[in-house]
C-alpha atoms as a PDB file:
ATOM      1  CA  MET A   1     -19.601  17.232  -3.640  1.00  0.00           C
ATOM      2  CA  SER A   2     -16.497  18.530  -5.007  1.00  0.00           C
ATOM      3  CA  PRO A   3     -13.988  16.691  -7.323  1.00  0.00           C
ATOM      4  CA  ASN A   4     -11.468  16.800  -4.512  1.00  0.00           C
ATOM      5  CA  ASP A   5     -13.906  15.214  -2.103  1.00  0.00           C
ATOM      6  CA  VAL A   6     -14.643  12.504  -4.754  1.00  0.00           C
ATOM      7  CA  PHE A   7     -10.921  11.678  -5.197  1.00  0.00           C
ATOM      8  CA  ASP A   8     -10.441  11.622  -1.485  1.00  0.00           C
ATOM      9  CA  LEU A   9     -13.409   9.172  -0.980  1.00  0.00           C
ATOM     10  CA  LEU A  10     -12.035   7.067  -3.778  1.00  0.00           C
ATOM     11  CA  ILE A  11      -8.572   6.702  -2.390  1.00  0.00           C
ATOM     12  CA  LEU A  12      -9.869   6.062   1.017  1.00  0.00           C
ATOM     13  CA  THR A  13     -12.119   3.324  -0.204  1.00  0.00           C
ATOM     14  CA  LEU A  14      -9.155   1.779  -1.987  1.00  0.00           C
ATOM     15  CA  LEU A  15      -6.958   1.994   1.116  1.00  0.00           C
ATOM     16  CA  ILE A  16      -9.667   0.297   3.292  1.00  0.00           C
ATOM     17  CA  GLY A  17     -10.150  -2.341   0.560  1.00  0.00           C
ATOM     18  CA  CYS A  18      -6.491  -3.059   0.295  1.00  0.00           C
ATOM     19  CA  ALA A  19      -6.164  -3.271   4.049  1.00  0.00           C
ATOM     20  CA  LEU A  20      -9.019  -5.756   4.443  1.00  0.00           C
ATOM     21  CA  ALA A  21      -7.641  -7.883   1.634  1.00  0.00           C
ATOM     22  CA  ILE A  22      -4.204  -7.938   2.958  1.00  0.00           C
ATOM     23  CA  ALA A  23      -5.539  -9.206   6.326  1.00  0.00           C
ATOM     24  CA  ARG A  24      -7.559 -11.985   4.757  1.00  0.00           C
ATOM     25  CA  LEU A  25      -4.959 -13.272   2.280  1.00  0.00           C
ATOM     26  CA  LYS A  26      -3.097 -16.563   2.896  1.00  0.00           C
ATOM     27  CA  ASP A  27      -0.677 -16.085  -0.047  1.00  0.00           C
ATOM     28  CA  LEU A  28       1.988 -13.857   1.417  1.00  0.00           C
ATOM     29  CA  ALA A  29       3.538 -12.754  -1.983  1.00  0.00           C
ATOM     30  CA  ALA A  30       0.014 -11.408  -2.994  1.00  0.00           C
ATOM     31  CA  ALA A  31      -0.168  -9.635   0.368  1.00  0.00           C
ATOM     32  CA  VAL A  32       3.141  -7.895  -0.293  1.00  0.00           C
ATOM     33  CA  VAL A  33       1.979  -6.720  -3.681  1.00  0.00           C
ATOM     34  CA  LEU A  34      -1.338  -5.458  -2.097  1.00  0.00           C
ATOM     35  CA  PHE A  35       0.823  -3.722   0.584  1.00  0.00           C
ATOM     36  CA  SER A  36       2.785  -2.055  -2.173  1.00  0.00           C
ATOM     37  CA  ILE A  37      -0.512  -0.920  -3.738  1.00  0.00           C
ATOM     38  CA  TYR A  38      -1.656   0.463  -0.408  1.00  0.00           C
ATOM     39  CA  SER A  39       1.583   2.291   0.226  1.00  0.00           C
ATOM     40  CA  PHE A  40       1.239   3.864  -3.338  1.00  0.00           C
ATOM     41  CA  SER A  41      -2.329   4.859  -2.815  1.00  0.00           C
ATOM     42  CA  LEU A  42      -1.349   6.559   0.341  1.00  0.00           C
ATOM     43  CA  CYS A  43       1.435   8.346  -1.537  1.00  0.00           C
ATOM     44  CA  LEU A  44      -1.145   9.684  -3.957  1.00  0.00           C
ATOM     45  CA  LEU A  45      -3.322  10.843  -1.020  1.00  0.00           C
ATOM     46  CA  TRP A  46      -0.373  12.748   0.612  1.00  0.00           C
ATOM     47  CA  VAL A  47       0.375  14.418  -2.790  1.00  0.00           C
ATOM     48  CA  HIS A  48      -3.212  15.419  -3.244  1.00  0.00           C
ATOM     49  CA  ARG A  49      -3.442  16.680   0.283  1.00  0.00           C
ATOM     50  CA  GLY A  50      -0.327  19.051  -0.276  1.00  0.00           C
ATOM     51  CA  ALA A  51       2.467  17.049   1.541  1.00  0.00           C
ATOM     52  CA  PRO A  52       4.891  16.005  -1.303  1.00  0.00           C
ATOM     53  CA  ASP A  53       7.779  15.346   1.266  1.00  0.00           C
ATOM     54  CA  VAL A  54       5.641  12.850   3.180  1.00  0.00           C
ATOM     55  CA  ALA A  55       4.576  11.393  -0.114  1.00  0.00           C
ATOM     56  CA  MET A  56       8.105  10.894  -1.305  1.00  0.00           C
ATOM     57  CA  THR A  57       8.972   9.234   1.831  1.00  0.00           C
ATOM     58  CA  GLU A  58       6.021   6.978   1.728  1.00  0.00           C
ATOM     59  CA  ALA A  59       6.821   5.915  -1.805  1.00  0.00           C
ATOM     60  CA  ALA A  60      10.530   5.273  -1.042  1.00  0.00           C
ATOM     61  CA  VAL A  61      10.090   3.471   2.199  1.00  0.00           C
ATOM     62  CA  GLY A  62       6.461   2.029   2.078  1.00  0.00           C
ATOM     63  CA  ALA A  63       6.158   0.875  -1.580  1.00  0.00           C
ATOM     64  CA  GLY A  64       9.971   0.590  -2.310  1.00  0.00           C
ATOM     65  CA  ILE A  65      12.248  -0.560   0.496  1.00  0.00           C
ATOM     66  CA  THR A  66       9.583  -2.455   2.561  1.00  0.00           C
ATOM     67  CA  ALA A  67       8.422  -4.478  -0.442  1.00  0.00           C
ATOM     68  CA  VAL A  68      11.911  -5.594  -1.343  1.00  0.00           C
ATOM     69  CA  LEU A  69      12.682  -6.540   2.265  1.00  0.00           C
ATOM     70  CA  PHE A  70       9.356  -8.574   2.492  1.00  0.00           C
ATOM     71  CA  PHE A  71      10.068 -10.244  -0.863  1.00  0.00           C
ATOM     72  CA  TYR A  72      13.490 -11.148   0.486  1.00  0.00           C
ATOM     73  CA  ALA A  73      12.024 -12.591   3.698  1.00  0.00           C
ATOM     74  CA  LEU A  74       9.481 -14.573   1.577  1.00  0.00           C
ATOM     75  CA  THR A  75      12.390 -16.223  -0.260  1.00  0.00           C
ATOM     76  CA  ARG A  76      13.908 -17.240   3.143  1.00  0.00           C
ATOM     77  CA  THR A  77      10.546 -18.604   4.358  1.00  0.00           C
ATOM     78  CA  GLY A  78       7.345 -20.029   2.825  1.00  0.00           C
ATOM     79  CA  ARG A  79       5.051 -18.164   0.373  1.00  0.00           C
ATOM     80  CA  ARG A  80       2.016 -19.587   1.927  1.00  0.00           C
ATOM     81  CA  GLU A  81       0.613 -19.188   5.429  1.00  0.00           C
ATOM     82  CA  LYS A  82      -0.596 -22.220   7.211  1.00  0.00           C
END
């Protein structure tokens, strides 16, 4: 197994773990933080795979703008899911 395969496996495991944790969390602020980590991890995977343009878009939209909008929505609603 090459180092590239190990890195891919590590990032994919992190992505799956984040996705499962996001789905199970009741604290919406923590879910937004985990979503940002998920997005950043996906950005690393795109860079590693040789798609820097997609990685930059993922970083800007996924980890940046979306997180800000989600946090703004949380200020207008409740932090905990019922």
